[in-house]
Structures are given as C-alpha cells and as structure tokens.
PDB file of N, CA and C in Angstrom:
ATOM      1  N   ASN A   1     -19.466  19.753 -12.805  1.00  0.00           N
ATOM      2  CA  ASN A   1     -18.856  19.163 -11.633  1.00  0.00           C
ATOM      3  C   ASN A   1     -18.042  20.219 -10.894  1.00  0.00           C
ATOM      4  N   PRO A   2     -18.199  20.293  -9.580  1.00  0.00           N
ATOM      5  CA  PRO A   2     -17.409  21.261  -8.819  1.00  0.00           C
ATOM      6  C   PRO A   2     -15.946  20.838  -8.718  1.00  0.00           C
ATOM      7  N   ALA A   3     -15.055  21.812  -8.644  1.00  0.00           N
ATOM      8  CA  ALA A   3     -13.627  21.533  -8.500  1.00  0.00           C
ATOM      9  C   ALA A   3     -13.316  21.229  -7.036  1.00  0.00           C
ATOM     10  N   VAL A   4     -12.429  20.280  -6.807  1.00  0.00           N
ATOM     11  CA  VAL A   4     -12.012  19.936  -5.457  1.00  0.00           C
ATOM     12  C   VAL A   4     -10.806  20.778  -5.090  1.00  0.00           C
ATOM     13  N   SER A   5     -10.876  21.451  -3.946  1.00  0.00           N
ATOM     14  CA  SER A   5      -9.750  22.277  -3.530  1.00  0.00           C
ATOM     15  C   SER A   5      -9.005  21.692  -2.328  1.00  0.00           C
ATOM     16  N   THR A   6      -9.659  20.821  -1.560  1.00  0.00           N
ATOM     17  CA  THR A   6      -9.027  20.210  -0.392  1.00  0.00           C
ATOM     18  C   THR A   6      -9.458  18.758  -0.284  1.00  0.00           C
ATOM     19  N   VAL A   7      -8.479  17.896  -0.021  1.00  0.00           N
ATOM     20  CA  VAL A   7      -8.763  16.476   0.165  1.00  0.00           C
ATOM     21  C   VAL A   7      -8.060  16.028   1.438  1.00  0.00           C
ATOM     22  N   THR A   8      -8.755  15.285   2.280  1.00  0.00           N
ATOM     23  CA  THR A   8      -8.157  14.735   3.492  1.00  0.00           C
ATOM     24  C   THR A   8      -8.055  13.227   3.326  1.00  0.00           C
ATOM     25  N   LEU A   9      -6.834  12.707   3.442  1.00  0.00           N
ATOM     26  CA  LEU A   9      -6.617  11.277   3.337  1.00  0.00           C
ATOM     27  C   LEU A   9      -6.418  10.707   4.735  1.00  0.00           C
ATOM     28  N   LEU A  10      -7.062   9.594   5.010  1.00  0.00           N
ATOM     29  CA  LEU A  10      -6.906   8.921   6.293  1.00  0.00           C
ATOM     30  C   LEU A  10      -5.997   7.719   6.118  1.00  0.00           C
ATOM     31  N   PRO A  11      -5.060   7.511   7.034  1.00  0.00           N
ATOM     32  CA  PRO A  11      -4.181   6.338   6.925  1.00  0.00           C
ATOM     33  C   PRO A  11      -4.979   5.034   6.954  1.00  0.00           C
ATOM     34  N   GLN A  12      -4.513   4.096   6.162  1.00  0.00           N
ATOM     35  CA  GLN A  12      -5.115   2.762   6.076  1.00  0.00           C
ATOM     36  C   GLN A  12      -4.079   1.740   6.517  1.00  0.00           C
ATOM     37  N   THR A  13      -4.535   0.607   7.001  1.00  0.00           N
ATOM     38  CA  THR A  13      -3.632  -0.489   7.342  1.00  0.00           C
ATOM     39  C   THR A  13      -3.903  -1.641   6.393  1.00  0.00           C
ATOM     40  N   ILE A  14      -2.832  -2.165   5.806  1.00  0.00           N
ATOM     41  CA  ILE A  14      -2.949  -3.328   4.930  1.00  0.00           C
ATOM     42  C   ILE A  14      -2.016  -4.419   5.441  1.00  0.00           C
ATOM     43  N   ASP A  15      -2.385  -5.647   5.192  1.00  0.00           N
ATOM     44  CA  ASP A  15      -1.554  -6.800   5.485  1.00  0.00           C
ATOM     45  C   ASP A  15      -1.205  -7.443   4.159  1.00  0.00           C
ATOM     46  N   GLY A  16       0.039  -7.901   4.049  1.00  0.00           N
ATOM     47  CA  GLY A  16       0.398  -8.555   2.805  1.00  0.00           C
ATOM     48  C   GLY A  16       1.787  -9.133   2.819  1.00  0.00           C
ATOM     49  N   THR A  17       2.089  -9.817   1.746  1.00  0.00           N
ATOM     50  CA  THR A  17       3.382 -10.463   1.564  1.00  0.00           C
ATOM     51  C   THR A  17       4.206  -9.641   0.586  1.00  0.00           C
ATOM     52  N   VAL A  18       5.425  -9.348   0.968  1.00  0.00           N
ATOM     53  CA  VAL A  18       6.330  -8.596   0.102  1.00  0.00           C
ATOM     54  C   VAL A  18       6.766  -9.512  -1.040  1.00  0.00           C
ATOM     55  N   THR A  19       6.600  -9.037  -2.270  1.00  0.00           N
ATOM     56  CA  THR A  19       7.004  -9.828  -3.431  1.00  0.00           C
ATOM     57  C   THR A  19       8.250  -9.278  -4.103  1.00  0.00           C
ATOM     58  N   ALA A  20       8.580  -7.999  -3.828  1.00  0.00           N
ATOM     59  CA  ALA A  20       9.793  -7.393  -4.397  1.00  0.00           C
ATOM     60  C   ALA A  20      10.225  -6.223  -3.520  1.00  0.00           C
ATOM     61  N   VAL A  21      11.544  -5.999  -3.462  1.00  0.00           N
ATOM     62  CA  VAL A  21      12.127  -4.902  -2.686  1.00  0.00           C
ATOM     63  C   VAL A  21      13.081  -4.144  -3.605  1.00  0.00           C
ATOM     64  N   SER A  22      12.992  -2.805  -3.597  1.00  0.00           N
ATOM     65  CA  SER A  22      13.912  -1.994  -4.400  1.00  0.00           C
ATOM     66  C   SER A  22      14.028  -0.605  -3.780  1.00  0.00           C
ATOM     67  N   SER A  23      14.741   0.287  -4.449  1.00  0.00           N
ATOM     68  CA  SER A  23      14.886   1.676  -4.022  1.00  0.00           C
ATOM     69  C   SER A  23      14.513   2.577  -5.180  1.00  0.00           C
ATOM     70  N   GLN A  24      13.958   3.746  -4.824  1.00  0.00           N
ATOM     71  CA  GLN A  24      13.566   4.687  -5.869  1.00  0.00           C
ATOM     72  C   GLN A  24      13.523   6.091  -5.270  1.00  0.00           C
ATOM     73  N   GLY A  25      14.395   6.969  -5.709  1.00  0.00           N
ATOM     74  CA  GLY A  25      14.366   8.375  -5.313  1.00  0.00           C
ATOM     75  C   GLY A  25      14.382   8.620  -3.816  1.00  0.00           C
ATOM     76  N   GLY A  26      15.227   7.946  -3.069  1.00  0.00           N
ATOM     77  CA  GLY A  26      15.297   8.149  -1.627  1.00  0.00           C
ATOM     78  C   GLY A  26      14.300   7.330  -0.825  1.00  0.00           C
ATOM     79  N   PHE A  27      13.536   6.498  -1.490  1.00  0.00           N
ATOM     80  CA  PHE A  27      12.564   5.637  -0.823  1.00  0.00           C
ATOM     81  C   PHE A  27      12.966   4.181  -0.978  1.00  0.00           C
ATOM     82  N   ASP A  28      12.691   3.391   0.059  1.00  0.00           N
ATOM     83  CA  ASP A  28      12.694   1.935  -0.098  1.00  0.00           C
ATOM     84  C   ASP A  28      11.302   1.602  -0.597  1.00  0.00           C
ATOM     85  N   THR A  29      11.217   0.808  -1.642  1.00  0.00           N
ATOM     86  CA  THR A  29       9.909   0.448  -2.180  1.00  0.00           C
ATOM     87  C   THR A  29       9.685  -1.040  -2.033  1.00  0.00           C
ATOM     88  N   TYR A  30       8.464  -1.378  -1.647  1.00  0.00           N
ATOM     89  CA  TYR A  30       8.080  -2.766  -1.447  1.00  0.00           C
ATOM     90  C   TYR A  30       6.827  -3.042  -2.263  1.00  0.00           C
ATOM     91  N   THR A  31       6.889  -4.045  -3.114  1.00  0.00           N
ATOM     92  CA  THR A  31       5.695  -4.481  -3.814  1.00  0.00           C
ATOM     93  C   THR A  31       5.027  -5.490  -2.889  1.00  0.00           C
ATOM     94  N   VAL A  32       3.771  -5.227  -2.543  1.00  0.00           N
ATOM     95  CA  VAL A  32       3.071  -6.025  -1.543  1.00  0.00           C
ATOM     96  C   VAL A  32       1.835  -6.669  -2.166  1.00  0.00           C
ATOM     97  N   SER A  33       1.758  -7.983  -2.046  1.00  0.00           N
ATOM     98  CA  SER A  33       0.578  -8.734  -2.456  1.00  0.00           C
ATOM     99  C   SER A  33      -0.363  -8.769  -1.254  1.00  0.00           C
ATOM    100  N   LEU A  34      -1.544  -8.198  -1.416  1.00  0.00           N
ATOM    101  CA  LEU A  34      -2.467  -8.037  -0.303  1.00  0.00           C
ATOM    102  C   LEU A  34      -3.039  -9.354   0.198  1.00  0.00           C
ATOM    103  N   ALA A  35      -3.341  -9.378   1.492  1.00  0.00           N
ATOM    104  CA  ALA A  35      -4.028 -10.518   2.089  1.00  0.00           C
ATOM    105  C   ALA A  35      -5.435 -10.610   1.499  1.00  0.00           C
ATOM    106  N   ALA A  36      -5.995 -11.799   1.498  1.00  0.00           N
ATOM    107  CA  ALA A  36      -7.312 -12.025   0.892  1.00  0.00           C
ATOM    108  C   ALA A  36      -8.407 -11.172   1.536  1.00  0.00           C
ATOM    109  N   TYR A  37      -8.271 -10.811   2.801  1.00  0.00           N
ATOM    110  CA  TYR A  37      -9.310 -10.052   3.499  1.00  0.00           C
ATOM    111  C   TYR A  37      -9.157  -8.539   3.364  1.00  0.00           C
ATOM    112  N   ASP A  38      -8.068  -8.038   2.740  1.00  0.00           N
ATOM    113  CA  ASP A  38      -7.951  -6.598   2.507  1.00  0.00           C
ATOM    114  C   ASP A  38      -9.044  -6.167   1.535  1.00  0.00           C
ATOM    115  N   LEU A  39      -9.563  -4.963   1.706  1.00  0.00           N
ATOM    116  CA  LEU A  39     -10.752  -4.535   0.969  1.00  0.00           C
ATOM    117  C   LEU A  39     -10.511  -3.998  -0.432  1.00  0.00           C
ATOM    118  N   PHE A  40      -9.289  -3.588  -0.756  1.00  0.00           N
ATOM    119  CA  PHE A  40      -9.068  -2.966  -2.064  1.00  0.00           C
ATOM    120  C   PHE A  40      -9.499  -3.854  -3.235  1.00  0.00           C
ATOM    121  N   PRO A  41      -9.145  -5.135  -3.269  1.00  0.00           N
ATOM    122  CA  PRO A  41      -9.610  -5.953  -4.399  1.00  0.00           C
ATOM    123  C   PRO A  41     -11.127  -6.061  -4.476  1.00  0.00           C
ATOM    124  N   GLN A  42     -11.787  -6.059  -3.323  1.00  0.00           N
ATOM    125  CA  GLN A  42     -13.243  -6.188  -3.301  1.00  0.00           C
ATOM    126  C   GLN A  42     -13.940  -4.954  -3.861  1.00  0.00           C
ATOM    127  N   PHE A  43     -13.319  -3.800  -3.687  1.00  0.00           N
ATOM    128  CA  PHE A  43     -13.935  -2.556  -4.138  1.00  0.00           C
ATOM    129  C   PHE A  43     -13.234  -1.959  -5.358  1.00  0.00           C
ATOM    130  N   ALA A  44     -12.486  -2.780  -6.064  1.00  0.00           N
ATOM    131  CA  ALA A  44     -11.677  -2.299  -7.182  1.00  0.00           C
ATOM    132  C   ALA A  44     -12.491  -1.828  -8.378  1.00  0.00           C
ATOM    133  N   VAL A  45     -13.646  -2.388  -8.579  1.00  0.00           N
ATOM    134  CA  VAL A  45     -14.450  -2.024  -9.740  1.00  0.00           C
ATOM    135  C   VAL A  45     -15.853  -1.676  -9.258  1.00  0.00           C
ATOM    136  N   GLN A  46     -16.106  -0.384  -9.156  1.00  0.00           N
ATOM    137  CA  GLN A  46     -17.407   0.098  -8.730  1.00  0.00           C
ATOM    138  C   GLN A  46     -18.070   0.830  -9.893  1.00  0.00           C
ATOM    139  N   THR A  47     -19.366   0.843  -9.890  1.00  0.00           N
ATOM    140  CA  THR A  47     -20.114   1.554 -10.922  1.00  0.00           C
ATOM    141  C   THR A  47     -19.656   3.012 -10.965  1.00  0.00           C
ATOM    142  N   TYR A  48     -19.404   3.515 -12.146  1.00  0.00           N
ATOM    143  CA  TYR A  48     -18.994   4.896 -12.412  1.00  0.00           C
ATOM    144  C   TYR A  48     -17.569   5.224 -11.960  1.00  0.00           C
ATOM    145  N   GLN A  49     -16.797   4.219 -11.567  1.00  0.00           N
ATOM    146  CA  GLN A  49     -15.396   4.459 -11.216  1.00  0.00           C
ATOM    147  C   GLN A  49     -14.644   4.797 -12.492  1.00  0.00           C
ATOM    148  N   THR A  50     -13.948   5.933 -12.506  1.00  0.00           N
ATOM    149  CA  THR A  50     -13.325   6.395 -13.749  1.00  0.00           C
ATOM    150  C   THR A  50     -11.963   5.779 -14.008  1.00  0.00           C
ATOM    151  N   THR A  51     -11.177   5.489 -12.963  1.00  0.00           N
ATOM    152  CA  THR A  51      -9.859   4.895 -13.153  1.00  0.00           C
ATOM    153  C   THR A  51      -9.832   3.532 -12.486  1.00  0.00           C
ATOM    154  N   LEU A  52      -9.875   2.484 -13.299  1.00  0.00           N
ATOM    155  CA  LEU A  52      -9.885   1.132 -12.761  1.00  0.00           C
ATOM    156  C   LEU A  52      -8.488   0.727 -12.321  1.00  0.00           C
ATOM    157  N   LEU A  53      -8.412  -0.081 -11.286  1.00  0.00           N
ATOM    158  CA  LEU A  53      -7.131  -0.592 -10.813  1.00  0.00           C
ATOM    159  C   LEU A  53      -6.666  -1.713 -11.718  1.00  0.00           C
ATOM    160  N   THR A  54      -5.418  -1.640 -12.168  1.00  0.00           N
ATOM    161  CA  THR A  54      -4.899  -2.669 -13.066  1.00  0.00           C
ATOM    162  C   THR A  54      -4.569  -3.950 -12.302  1.00  0.00           C
ATOM    163  N   ASN A  55      -4.167  -3.830 -11.044  1.00  0.00           N
ATOM    164  CA  ASN A  55      -3.871  -5.002 -10.227  1.00  0.00           C
ATOM    165  C   ASN A  55      -4.307  -4.698  -8.789  1.00  0.00           C
ATOM    166  N   PRO A  56      -5.589  -4.853  -8.479  1.00  0.00           N
ATOM    167  CA  PRO A  56      -6.111  -4.436  -7.182  1.00  0.00           C
ATOM    168  C   PRO A  56      -5.581  -5.232  -5.993  1.00  0.00           C
ATOM    169  N   GLY A  57      -4.911  -6.333  -6.231  1.00  0.00           N
ATOM    170  CA  GLY A  57      -4.350  -7.140  -5.156  1.00  0.00           C
ATOM    171  C   GLY A  57      -2.922  -6.773  -4.803  1.00  0.00           C
ATOM    172  N   THR A  58      -2.398  -5.697  -5.411  1.00  0.00           N
ATOM    173  CA  THR A  58      -1.009  -5.295  -5.193  1.00  0.00           C
ATOM    174  C   THR A  58      -0.923  -3.809  -4.862  1.00  0.00           C
ATOM    175  N   VAL A  59      -0.073  -3.475  -3.879  1.00  0.00           N
ATOM    176  CA  VAL A  59       0.195  -2.081  -3.511  1.00  0.00           C
ATOM    177  C   VAL A  59       1.708  -1.880  -3.528  1.00  0.00           C
ATOM    178  N   ILE A  60       2.147  -0.751  -4.102  1.00  0.00           N
ATOM    179  CA  ILE A  60       3.556  -0.365  -4.043  1.00  0.00           C
ATOM    180  C   ILE A  60       3.702   0.540  -2.822  1.00  0.00           C
ATOM    181  N   VAL A  61       4.512   0.110  -1.849  1.00  0.00           N
ATOM    182  CA  VAL A  61       4.688   0.837  -0.586  1.00  0.00           C
ATOM    183  C   VAL A  61       6.008   1.598  -0.626  1.00  0.00           C
ATOM    184  N   TYR A  62       5.955   2.889  -0.283  1.00  0.00           N
ATOM    185  CA  TYR A  62       7.141   3.746  -0.254  1.00  0.00           C
ATOM    186  C   TYR A  62       7.454   4.093   1.195  1.00  0.00           C
ATOM    187  N   ALA A  63       8.663   3.743   1.653  1.00  0.00           N
ATOM    188  CA  ALA A  63       9.100   4.031   3.018  1.00  0.00           C
ATOM    189  C   ALA A  63      10.390   4.850   2.955  1.00  0.00           C
ATOM    190  N   ASP A  64      10.508   5.816   3.868  1.00  0.00           N
ATOM    191  CA  ASP A  64      11.734   6.614   3.945  1.00  0.00           C
ATOM    192  C   ASP A  64      12.171   6.718   5.398  1.00  0.00           C
ATOM    193  N   SER A  65      13.054   7.646   5.702  1.00  0.00           N
ATOM    194  CA  SER A  65      13.593   7.761   7.058  1.00  0.00           C
ATOM    195  C   SER A  65      12.543   8.206   8.075  1.00  0.00           C
ATOM    196  N   ASN A  66      11.416   8.727   7.624  1.00  0.00           N
ATOM    197  CA  ASN A  66      10.336   9.130   8.524  1.00  0.00           C
ATOM    198  C   ASN A  66       9.399   7.976   8.870  1.00  0.00           C
ATOM    199  N   THR A  67       9.524   6.857   8.188  1.00  0.00           N
ATOM    200  CA  THR A  67       8.659   5.705   8.426  1.00  0.00           C
ATOM    201  C   THR A  67       9.089   4.995   9.707  1.00  0.00           C
ATOM    202  N   LYS A  68       8.143   4.803  10.633  1.00  0.00           N
ATOM    203  CA  LYS A  68       8.435   4.043  11.851  1.00  0.00           C
ATOM    204  C   LYS A  68       8.521   2.571  11.480  1.00  0.00           C
ATOM    205  N   GLN A  69       9.654   1.955  11.766  1.00  0.00           N
ATOM    206  CA  GLN A  69       9.824   0.533  11.465  1.00  0.00           C
ATOM    207  C   GLN A  69       9.821  -0.232  12.777  1.00  0.00           C
ATOM    208  N   LEU A  70       8.670  -0.760  13.136  1.00  0.00           N
ATOM    209  CA  LEU A  70       8.489  -1.510  14.375  1.00  0.00           C
ATOM    210  C   LEU A  70       8.551  -3.015  14.136  1.00  0.00           C
ATOM    211  N   ASN A  71       8.944  -3.393  12.938  1.00  0.00           N
ATOM    212  CA  ASN A  71       9.050  -4.806  12.587  1.00  0.00           C
ATOM    213  C   ASN A  71      10.301  -5.405  13.219  1.00  0.00           C
ATOM    214  N   THR A  72      10.222  -6.693  13.567  1.00  0.00           N
ATOM    215  CA  THR A  72      11.368  -7.371  14.182  1.00  0.00           C
ATOM    216  C   THR A  72      12.173  -8.173  13.172  1.00  0.00           C
ATOM    217  N   GLN A  73      11.591  -8.444  12.006  1.00  0.00           N
ATOM    218  CA  GLN A  73      12.320  -9.175  10.974  1.00  0.00           C
ATOM    219  C   GLN A  73      12.672  -8.250   9.822  1.00  0.00           C
ATOM    220  N   SER A  74      13.710  -8.610   9.085  1.00  0.00           N
ATOM    221  CA  SER A  74      14.118  -7.817   7.918  1.00  0.00           C
ATOM    222  C   SER A  74      13.070  -7.932   6.822  1.00  0.00           C
ATOM    223  N   ILE A  75      12.900  -6.846   6.077  1.00  0.00           N
ATOM    224  CA  ILE A  75      11.931  -6.851   4.984  1.00  0.00           C
ATOM    225  C   ILE A  75      12.581  -7.470   3.757  1.00  0.00           C
ATOM    226  N   ALA A  76      12.027  -8.584   3.336  1.00  0.00           N
ATOM    227  CA  ALA A  76      12.541  -9.309   2.180  1.00  0.00           C
ATOM    228  C   ALA A  76      11.373  -9.971   1.464  1.00  0.00           C
ATOM    229  N   ALA A  77      11.589 -10.297   0.206  1.00  0.00           N
ATOM    230  CA  ALA A  77      10.556 -10.987  -0.568  1.00  0.00           C
ATOM    231  C   ALA A  77      10.161 -12.271   0.144  1.00  0.00           C
ATOM    232  N   GLY A  78       8.859 -12.506   0.229  1.00  0.00           N
ATOM    233  CA  GLY A  78       8.324 -13.692   0.880  1.00  0.00           C
ATOM    234  C   GLY A  78       7.921 -13.462   2.326  1.00  0.00           C
ATOM    235  N   SER A  79       8.309 -12.302   2.893  1.00  0.00           N
ATOM    236  CA  SER A  79       7.963 -11.984   4.282  1.00  0.00           C
ATOM    237  C   SER A  79       6.608 -11.286   4.347  1.00  0.00           C
ATOM    238  N   THR A  80       5.924 -11.469   5.473  1.00  0.00           N
ATOM    239  CA  THR A  80       4.605 -10.873   5.680  1.00  0.00           C
ATOM    240  C   THR A  80       4.712  -9.715   6.661  1.00  0.00           C
ATOM    241  N   PHE A  81       4.084  -8.587   6.307  1.00  0.00           N
ATOM    242  CA  PHE A  81       4.129  -7.395   7.147  1.00  0.00           C
ATOM    243  C   PHE A  81       2.780  -6.707   7.150  1.00  0.00           C
ATOM    244  N   ARG A  82       2.646  -5.773   8.089  1.00  0.00           N
ATOM    245  CA  ARG A  82       1.484  -4.892   8.168  1.00  0.00           C
ATOM    246  C   ARG A  82       2.004  -3.478   7.922  1.00  0.00           C
ATOM    247  N   PHE A  83       1.405  -2.788   6.948  1.00  0.00           N
ATOM    248  CA  PHE A  83       1.823  -1.446   6.559  1.00  0.00           C
ATOM    249  C   PHE A  83       0.694  -0.468   6.852  1.00  0.00           C
ATOM    250  N   ASN A  84       1.038   0.711   7.372  1.00  0.00           N
ATOM    251  CA  ASN A  84       0.045   1.735   7.650  1.00  0.00           C
ATOM    252  C   ASN A  84       0.495   3.026   6.964  1.00  0.00           C
ATOM    253  N   GLY A  85      -0.424   3.643   6.241  1.00  0.00           N
ATOM    254  CA  GLY A  85      -0.124   4.892   5.546  1.00  0.00           C
ATOM    255  C   GLY A  85      -1.281   5.307   4.664  1.00  0.00           C
ATOM    256  N   VAL A  86      -1.050   6.347   3.870  1.00  0.00           N
ATOM    257  CA  VAL A  86      -2.100   6.823   2.968  1.00  0.00           C
ATOM    258  C   VAL A  86      -1.913   6.175   1.598  1.00  0.00           C
ATOM    259  N   ILE A  87      -3.032   5.766   1.019  1.00  0.00           N
ATOM    260  CA  ILE A  87      -3.008   5.027  -0.250  1.00  0.00           C
ATOM    261  C   ILE A  87      -3.641   5.875  -1.347  1.00  0.00           C
ATOM    262  N   PHE A  88      -2.976   5.882  -2.502  1.00  0.00           N
ATOM    263  CA  PHE A  88      -3.428   6.639  -3.665  1.00  0.00           C
ATOM    264  C   PHE A  88      -3.680   5.679  -4.828  1.00  0.00           C
ATOM    265  N   ASN A  89      -4.647   6.026  -5.660  1.00  0.00           N
ATOM    266  CA  ASN A  89      -4.831   5.353  -6.940  1.00  0.00           C
ATOM    267  C   ASN A  89      -4.092   6.210  -7.958  1.00  0.00           C
ATOM    268  N   ASP A  90      -2.911   5.773  -8.365  1.00  0.00           N
ATOM    269  CA  ASP A  90      -2.071   6.511  -9.303  1.00  0.00           C
ATOM    270  C   ASP A  90      -2.250   5.934 -10.696  1.00  0.00           C
ATOM    271  N   GLY A  91      -3.269   6.399 -11.389  1.00  0.00           N
ATOM    272  CA  GLY A  91      -3.524   5.940 -12.752  1.00  0.00           C
ATOM    273  C   GLY A  91      -3.770   4.446 -12.850  1.00  0.00           C
ATOM    274  N   GLY A  92      -4.370   3.856 -11.818  1.00  0.00           N
ATOM    275  CA  GLY A  92      -4.677   2.438 -11.840  1.00  0.00           C
ATOM    276  C   GLY A  92      -3.744   1.584 -10.998  1.00  0.00           C
ATOM    277  N   THR A  93      -2.692   2.197 -10.421  1.00  0.00           N
ATOM    278  CA  THR A  93      -1.756   1.490  -9.545  1.00  0.00           C
ATOM    279  C   THR A  93      -1.926   2.012  -8.126  1.00  0.00           C
ATOM    280  N   LEU A  94      -2.135   1.106  -7.175  1.00  0.00           N
ATOM    281  CA  LEU A  94      -2.226   1.510  -5.773  1.00  0.00           C
ATOM    282  C   LEU A  94      -0.837   1.764  -5.222  1.00  0.00           C
ATOM    283  N   ARG A  95      -0.637   2.939  -4.594  1.00  0.00           N
ATOM    284  CA  ARG A  95       0.635   3.304  -3.987  1.00  0.00           C
ATOM    285  C   ARG A  95       0.370   3.816  -2.579  1.00  0.00           C
ATOM    286  N   MET A  96       1.282   3.475  -1.656  1.00  0.00           N
ATOM    287  CA  MET A  96       1.154   3.910  -0.275  1.00  0.00           C
ATOM    288  C   MET A  96       2.359   4.732   0.145  1.00  0.00           C
ATOM    289  N   ASP A  97       2.111   5.881   0.757  1.00  0.00           N
ATOM    290  CA  ASP A  97       3.135   6.640   1.462  1.00  0.00           C
ATOM    291  C   ASP A  97       3.088   6.100   2.888  1.00  0.00           C
ATOM    292  N   CYS A  98       4.062   5.274   3.234  1.00  0.00           N
ATOM    293  CA  CYS A  98       4.018   4.481   4.459  1.00  0.00           C
ATOM    294  C   CYS A  98       4.437   5.284   5.687  1.00  0.00           C
ATOM    295  N   LEU A  99       3.639   5.190   6.743  1.00  0.00           N
ATOM    296  CA  LEU A  99       3.921   5.835   8.017  1.00  0.00           C
ATOM    297  C   LEU A  99       4.554   4.877   9.014  1.00  0.00           C
ATOM    298  N   GLN A 100       4.144   3.582   8.961  1.00  0.00           N
ATOM    299  CA  GLN A 100       4.623   2.614   9.945  1.00  0.00           C
ATOM    300  C   GLN A 100       4.591   1.208   9.368  1.00  0.00           C
ATOM    301  N   ILE A 101       5.604   0.423   9.727  1.00  0.00           N
ATOM    302  CA  ILE A 101       5.687  -0.988   9.327  1.00  0.00           C
ATOM    303  C   ILE A 101       5.736  -1.830  10.594  1.00  0.00           C
ATOM    304  N   ASP A 102       4.886  -2.830  10.664  1.00  0.00           N
ATOM    305  CA  ASP A 102       4.848  -3.767  11.782  1.00  0.00           C
ATOM    306  C   ASP A 102       5.006  -5.179  11.260  1.00  0.00           C
ATOM    307  N   ASP A 103       5.323  -6.101  12.170  1.00  0.00           N
ATOM    308  CA  ASP A 103       5.331  -7.504  11.787  1.00  0.00           C
ATOM    309  C   ASP A 103       3.952  -7.886  11.286  1.00  0.00           C
ATOM    310  N   GLY A 104       3.917  -8.815  10.349  1.00  0.00           N
ATOM    311  CA  GLY A 104       2.649  -9.222   9.757  1.00  0.00           C
ATOM    312  C   GLY A 104       1.913 -10.238  10.589  1.00  0.00           C
ATOM    313  N   VAL A 105       0.746 -10.547  10.118  1.00  0.00           N
ATOM    314  CA  VAL A 105      -0.099 -11.555  10.747  1.00  0.00           C
ATOM    315  C   VAL A 105      -0.257 -12.701   9.769  1.00  0.00           C
ATOM    316  N   PRO A 106      -0.514 -13.907  10.259  1.00  0.00           N
ATOM    317  CA  PRO A 106      -0.678 -15.044   9.340  1.00  0.00           C
ATOM    318  C   PRO A 106      -1.753 -14.761   8.297  1.00  0.00           C
ATOM    319  N   GLN A 107      -1.496 -15.150   7.071  1.00  0.00           N
ATOM    320  CA  GLN A 107      -2.434 -14.898   5.972  1.00  0.00           C
ATOM    321  C   GLN A 107      -3.478 -15.975   5.910  1.00  0.00           C
TER     322      GLN A 107
END
C-alpha cells in the first residue's frame, strides 16, 4: 500500500440536535445527534472499512474563537443547529472542527 503524504478535507454541513455542551482545551464542545437524513449513519459500515464508527448518529463538534456563530439562539441541550466544518473519524468517533454554526432546520 502506498503511503499518503497529503490529504485534503472538504467542509461538510450536518444538521442535528445538541445533546450535551461542555468545554475541553479551549474549545466549546457539542455532542450532536444527527438528523435522520444526514449521510454518516448510512455510510457507517462499508465493505473493507477498517475503523467502524461506534456511534454513527453522533458527532462531537469543537468550536473556538475562530468559529463563525451565525446562530440566533443560545446553544443548549435540546436545541437544533446546522454545523459546518471538517469531520474526522477518530478511532470510531466522529469529530468536527467547526467553521460555522447556523440556526437549525426542523428535523
């Protein structure tokens, strides 16, 4: 297998409901339960996938002072938002480095 030397990640947009809010290392972190139409759960288990997602319906979102917050409501558990950023599979956990937060859409 050839070694990868460069990877380009494209920002993704997800919709979901915040289930938990906390802080970690200078980031606000939001545990987000994905909307039913988000694609990650649908593609969570593919043939020859080496690292399976432990909870494909959940993404941990990391926001800092560089994150554009265009939302009109406060971020709290039970609220719905739209998050845009790059998503990583971190050993089976989906994590997002968030670029922008917008008000959510009905689920």
